[in-house]
Amino acid sequence: MSIFTLKSAMEFASNNEIETWVHLFLNGEGDNVGLSNGLKMKTRYWLGPIEIETRFLDRVVGPELNMEYVEDEDWWNYNMNEICNRLADGWDMPPLIAENRNGSLSVRDGNHRLGALQKLNIDKCYLIIWGDNGVDDILIALEKHIKSKQNL
């Protein structure tokens, strides 16, 4: 049984250990050691997991040419189908991990999961957000970001 579930992330968060969970996840099932190492380079501030509408999140991986990390469309679709199947089987999906980037919620881990949620028209998910300037800064940016997206 995986410890990398929403339930386990919530338990870590309730003990003020969400950063520990993030690094365990990224160095384990999340398979994103590079992100974990980068996060450790300086003090980060964490919020979450919180439930949020997927439309407020900015994906950075995908087959679209405007993505920060362009991925082969066949590989992207394969991942989408695998995640969709896991979700259909009742997977307790781990929260996505996003950075507060100048008021944008940039998904830095979980882009495939976000893509699968969007494909399935699931409009909410759980998210862990980090920022470099404190939790209050994250909350202010989150509020501004959501208001700006609601006005579109």
C-alpha atoms as a PDB file:
ATOM      1  CA  MET A   1       0.000   0.000   0.000  1.00  0.00           C
ATOM      2  CA  SER A   2       1.333   3.404  -0.989  1.00  0.00           C
ATOM      3  CA  ILE A   3       1.787   6.170   1.547  1.00  0.00           C
ATOM      4  CA  PHE A   4       1.518   8.605  -1.325  1.00  0.00           C
ATOM      5  CA  THR A   5      -2.195   9.330  -1.156  1.00  0.00           C
ATOM      6  CA  LEU A   6      -4.317  12.351  -0.381  1.00  0.00           C
ATOM      7  CA  LYS A   7      -5.165  10.770   2.964  1.00  0.00           C
ATOM      8  CA  SER A   8      -1.493  10.433   3.925  1.00  0.00           C
ATOM      9  CA  ALA A   9      -0.720  13.974   2.748  1.00  0.00           C
ATOM     10  CA  MET A  10      -3.560  15.244   4.948  1.00  0.00           C
ATOM     11  CA  GLU A  11      -2.158  13.322   7.914  1.00  0.00           C
ATOM     12  CA  PHE A  12       1.320  14.773   7.392  1.00  0.00           C
ATOM     13  CA  ALA A  13      -0.203  18.263   7.032  1.00  0.00           C
ATOM     14  CA  SER A  14      -2.151  17.872  10.281  1.00  0.00           C
ATOM     15  CA  ASN A  15       1.211  17.327  11.996  1.00  0.00           C
ATOM     16  CA  ASN A  16       2.821  20.335  10.230  1.00  0.00           C
ATOM     17  CA  GLU A  17       4.948  17.935   8.164  1.00  0.00           C
ATOM     18  CA  ILE A  18       3.663  18.558   4.633  1.00  0.00           C
ATOM     19  CA  GLU A  19       7.149  19.450   3.394  1.00  0.00           C
ATOM     20  CA  THR A  20       8.386  16.062   4.608  1.00  0.00           C
ATOM     21  CA  TRP A  21       5.565  14.344   2.709  1.00  0.00           C
ATOM     22  CA  VAL A  22       6.382  16.333  -0.444  1.00  0.00           C
ATOM     23  CA  HIS A  23      10.027  15.207  -0.415  1.00  0.00           C
ATOM     24  CA  LEU A  24       9.118  11.594   0.372  1.00  0.00           C
ATOM     25  CA  PHE A  25       6.640  11.648  -2.517  1.00  0.00           C
ATOM     26  CA  LEU A  26       8.978  13.342  -5.010  1.00  0.00           C
ATOM     27  CA  ASN A  27      11.803  10.939  -4.163  1.00  0.00           C
ATOM     28  CA  GLY A  28       9.453   7.930  -4.318  1.00  0.00           C
ATOM     29  CA  GLU A  29       6.356   7.339  -6.393  1.00  0.00           C
ATOM     30  CA  GLY A  30       6.383  10.922  -7.707  1.00  0.00           C
ATOM     31  CA  ASP A  31       9.740  10.230  -9.394  1.00  0.00           C
ATOM     32  CA  ASN A  32      10.737  13.895  -9.436  1.00  0.00           C
ATOM     33  CA  VAL A  33      14.041  13.987  -7.564  1.00  0.00           C
ATOM     34  CA  GLY A  34      15.138  17.102  -9.452  1.00  0.00           C
ATOM     35  CA  LEU A  35      12.214  19.100  -8.077  1.00  0.00           C
ATOM     36  CA  SER A  36      12.850  17.798  -4.569  1.00  0.00           C
ATOM     37  CA  ASN A  37      16.507  18.810  -4.755  1.00  0.00           C
ATOM     38  CA  GLY A  38      15.609  22.247  -6.085  1.00  0.00           C
ATOM     39  CA  LEU A  39      13.067  22.808  -3.332  1.00  0.00           C
ATOM     40  CA  LYS A  40      15.715  22.039  -0.722  1.00  0.00           C
ATOM     41  CA  MET A  41      17.980  24.843  -1.952  1.00  0.00           C
ATOM     42  CA  LYS A  42      16.257  27.437   0.213  1.00  0.00           C
ATOM     43  CA  THR A  43      13.462  27.895   2.730  1.00  0.00           C
ATOM     44  CA  ARG A  44      10.009  27.261   1.287  1.00  0.00           C
ATOM     45  CA  TYR A  45       6.604  27.951   2.786  1.00  0.00           C
ATOM     46  CA  TRP A  46       3.754  25.487   2.321  1.00  0.00           C
ATOM     47  CA  LEU A  47      -0.023  25.567   2.146  1.00  0.00           C
ATOM     48  CA  GLY A  48      -2.226  22.530   1.755  1.00  0.00           C
ATOM     49  CA  PRO A  49      -3.480  20.211   0.746  1.00  0.00           C
ATOM     50  CA  ILE A  50      -6.388  22.437  -0.215  1.00  0.00           C
ATOM     51  CA  GLU A  51      -9.233  21.721  -2.605  1.00  0.00           C
ATOM     52  CA  ILE A  52      -9.257  23.962  -5.653  1.00  0.00           C
ATOM     53  CA  GLU A  53     -10.947  24.144  -9.032  1.00  0.00           C
ATOM     54  CA  THR A  54      -8.715  22.741 -11.761  1.00  0.00           C
ATOM     55  CA  ARG A  55      -9.401  25.768 -13.978  1.00  0.00           C
ATOM     56  CA  PHE A  56      -7.305  27.885 -11.596  1.00  0.00           C
ATOM     57  CA  LEU A  57      -4.179  25.776 -12.224  1.00  0.00           C
ATOM     58  CA  ASP A  58      -1.552  26.356 -14.882  1.00  0.00           C
ATOM     59  CA  ARG A  59      -0.208  23.181 -16.484  1.00  0.00           C
ATOM     60  CA  VAL A  60       3.419  23.332 -17.685  1.00  0.00           C
ATOM     61  CA  VAL A  61       3.755  19.860 -19.260  1.00  0.00           C
ATOM     62  CA  GLY A  62       1.896  18.541 -22.282  1.00  0.00           C
ATOM     63  CA  PRO A  63       1.987  18.048 -26.040  1.00  0.00           C
ATOM     64  CA  GLU A  64       1.043  21.676 -26.758  1.00  0.00           C
ATOM     65  CA  LEU A  65       3.906  23.695 -28.224  1.00  0.00           C
ATOM     66  CA  ASN A  66       3.386  26.543 -25.750  1.00  0.00           C
ATOM     67  CA  MET A  67       4.140  24.306 -22.738  1.00  0.00           C
ATOM     68  CA  GLU A  68       7.276  24.867 -20.683  1.00  0.00           C
ATOM     69  CA  TYR A  69       7.985  21.125 -21.038  1.00  0.00           C
ATOM     70  CA  VAL A  70       6.676  19.811 -24.359  1.00  0.00           C
ATOM     71  CA  GLU A  71       6.004  16.081 -24.282  1.00  0.00           C
ATOM     72  CA  ASP A  72       5.386  13.601 -27.090  1.00  0.00           C
ATOM     73  CA  GLU A  73       1.633  13.404 -27.712  1.00  0.00           C
ATOM     74  CA  ASP A  74       1.537   9.590 -27.700  1.00  0.00           C
ATOM     75  CA  TRP A  75       3.363   9.465 -24.355  1.00  0.00           C
ATOM     76  CA  TRP A  76       1.077  12.181 -22.948  1.00  0.00           C
ATOM     77  CA  ASN A  77      -2.047  10.277 -24.043  1.00  0.00           C
ATOM     78  CA  TYR A  78      -0.697   7.000 -22.649  1.00  0.00           C
ATOM     79  CA  ASN A  79      -0.157   8.655 -19.258  1.00  0.00           C
ATOM     80  CA  MET A  80      -3.621  10.243 -19.391  1.00  0.00           C
ATOM     81  CA  ASN A  81      -5.256   6.865 -20.020  1.00  0.00           C
ATOM     82  CA  GLU A  82      -3.298   5.164 -17.217  1.00  0.00           C
ATOM     83  CA  ILE A  83      -4.269   7.851 -14.715  1.00  0.00           C
ATOM     84  CA  CYS A  84      -7.895   7.866 -15.874  1.00  0.00           C
ATOM     85  CA  ASN A  85      -8.011   4.104 -15.281  1.00  0.00           C
ATOM     86  CA  ARG A  86      -6.546   4.482 -11.790  1.00  0.00           C
ATOM     87  CA  LEU A  87      -9.070   7.201 -10.964  1.00  0.00           C
ATOM     88  CA  ALA A  88     -11.921   4.999 -12.241  1.00  0.00           C
ATOM     89  CA  ASP A  89     -10.682   2.262  -9.900  1.00  0.00           C
ATOM     90  CA  GLY A  90     -10.975   4.621  -6.914  1.00  0.00           C
ATOM     91  CA  TRP A  91      -7.347   5.747  -6.589  1.00  0.00           C
ATOM     92  CA  ASP A  92      -6.755   8.092  -3.648  1.00  0.00           C
ATOM     93  CA  MET A  93      -4.712  10.384  -5.889  1.00  0.00           C
ATOM     94  CA  PRO A  94      -1.945  12.362  -4.204  1.00  0.00           C
ATOM     95  CA  PRO A  95      -2.343  16.134  -4.311  1.00  0.00           C
ATOM     96  CA  LEU A  96      -0.758  18.123  -7.094  1.00  0.00           C
ATOM     97  CA  ILE A  97       2.191  20.323  -6.146  1.00  0.00           C
ATOM     98  CA  ALA A  98       2.258  23.909  -7.405  1.00  0.00           C
ATOM     99  CA  GLU A  99       4.408  26.960  -7.003  1.00  0.00           C
ATOM    100  CA  ASN A 100       3.047  30.404  -6.332  1.00  0.00           C
ATOM    101  CA  ARG A 101       4.716  32.114  -9.307  1.00  0.00           C
ATOM    102  CA  ASN A 102       3.875  35.784  -9.242  1.00  0.00           C
ATOM    103  CA  GLY A 103       0.272  34.961  -8.447  1.00  0.00           C
ATOM    104  CA  SER A 104       0.055  32.053 -10.879  1.00  0.00           C
ATOM    105  CA  LEU A 105      -0.484  28.509  -9.587  1.00  0.00           C
ATOM    106  CA  SER A 106       2.131  26.758 -11.695  1.00  0.00           C
ATOM    107  CA  VAL A 107       1.807  22.967 -11.378  1.00  0.00           C
ATOM    108  CA  ARG A 108       5.350  21.713 -10.902  1.00  0.00           C
ATOM    109  CA  ASP A 109       4.411  18.096 -10.126  1.00  0.00           C
ATOM    110  CA  GLY A 110       1.179  16.479 -11.216  1.00  0.00           C
ATOM    111  CA  ASN A 111       0.674  17.810 -14.727  1.00  0.00           C
ATOM    112  CA  HIS A 112      -0.323  14.354 -15.995  1.00  0.00           C
ATOM    113  CA  ARG A 113      -2.781  14.004 -13.109  1.00  0.00           C
ATOM    114  CA  LEU A 114      -4.189  17.454 -13.877  1.00  0.00           C
ATOM    115  CA  GLY A 115      -4.511  16.547 -17.557  1.00  0.00           C
ATOM    116  CA  ALA A 116      -6.388  13.362 -16.651  1.00  0.00           C
ATOM    117  CA  LEU A 117      -8.732  15.271 -14.343  1.00  0.00           C
ATOM    118  CA  GLN A 118      -9.438  17.752 -17.132  1.00  0.00           C
ATOM    119  CA  LYS A 119      -9.997  14.922 -19.616  1.00  0.00           C
ATOM    120  CA  LEU A 120     -12.542  13.382 -17.232  1.00  0.00           C
ATOM    121  CA  ASN A 121     -14.185  16.789 -16.635  1.00  0.00           C
ATOM    122  CA  ILE A 122     -13.387  16.604 -12.921  1.00  0.00           C
ATOM    123  CA  ASP A 123     -13.414  20.215 -11.878  1.00  0.00           C
ATOM    124  CA  LYS A 124     -11.761  20.030  -8.437  1.00  0.00           C
ATOM    125  CA  CYS A 125      -8.637  18.497  -6.988  1.00  0.00           C
ATOM    126  CA  TYR A 126      -6.330  18.812  -4.013  1.00  0.00           C
ATOM    127  CA  LEU A 127      -3.204  20.898  -4.222  1.00  0.00           C
ATOM    128  CA  ILE A 128      -0.131  21.687  -2.159  1.00  0.00           C
ATOM    129  CA  ILE A 129       1.301  25.140  -2.865  1.00  0.00           C
ATOM    130  CA  TRP A 130       4.738  26.433  -2.023  1.00  0.00           C
ATOM    131  CA  GLY A 131       6.102  29.935  -2.061  1.00  0.00           C
ATOM    132  CA  ASP A 132       9.270  31.701  -1.050  1.00  0.00           C
ATOM    133  CA  ASN A 133       7.780  34.607   0.925  1.00  0.00           C
ATOM    134  CA  GLY A 134       5.532  33.056   3.558  1.00  0.00           C
ATOM    135  CA  VAL A 135       2.114  31.474   3.792  1.00  0.00           C
ATOM    136  CA  ASP A 136       0.371  34.865   3.927  1.00  0.00           C
ATOM    137  CA  ASP A 137       1.934  35.708   0.558  1.00  0.00           C
ATOM    138  CA  ILE A 138       0.583  32.435  -0.861  1.00  0.00           C
ATOM    139  CA  LEU A 139      -2.909  33.180   0.483  1.00  0.00           C
ATOM    140  CA  ILE A 140      -2.917  36.708  -0.967  1.00  0.00           C
ATOM    141  CA  ALA A 141      -1.673  35.480  -4.351  1.00  0.00           C
ATOM    142  CA  LEU A 142      -4.189  32.627  -4.321  1.00  0.00           C
ATOM    143  CA  GLU A 143      -7.067  35.011  -3.672  1.00  0.00           C
ATOM    144  CA  LYS A 144      -5.915  37.410  -6.430  1.00  0.00           C
ATOM    145  CA  HIS A 145      -5.366  34.547  -8.886  1.00  0.00           C
ATOM    146  CA  ILE A 146      -8.807  33.085  -8.286  1.00  0.00           C
ATOM    147  CA  LYS A 147     -10.483  36.488  -8.620  1.00  0.00           C
ATOM    148  CA  SER A 148      -8.662  37.212 -11.875  1.00  0.00           C
ATOM    149  CA  LYS A 149      -9.616  33.798 -13.350  1.00  0.00           C
ATOM    150  CA  GLN A 150     -13.260  34.242 -12.295  1.00  0.00           C
ATOM    151  CA  ASN A 151     -13.406  37.483 -14.281  1.00  0.00           C
ATOM    152  CA  LEU A 152     -12.381  35.787 -17.533  1.00  0.00           C
END
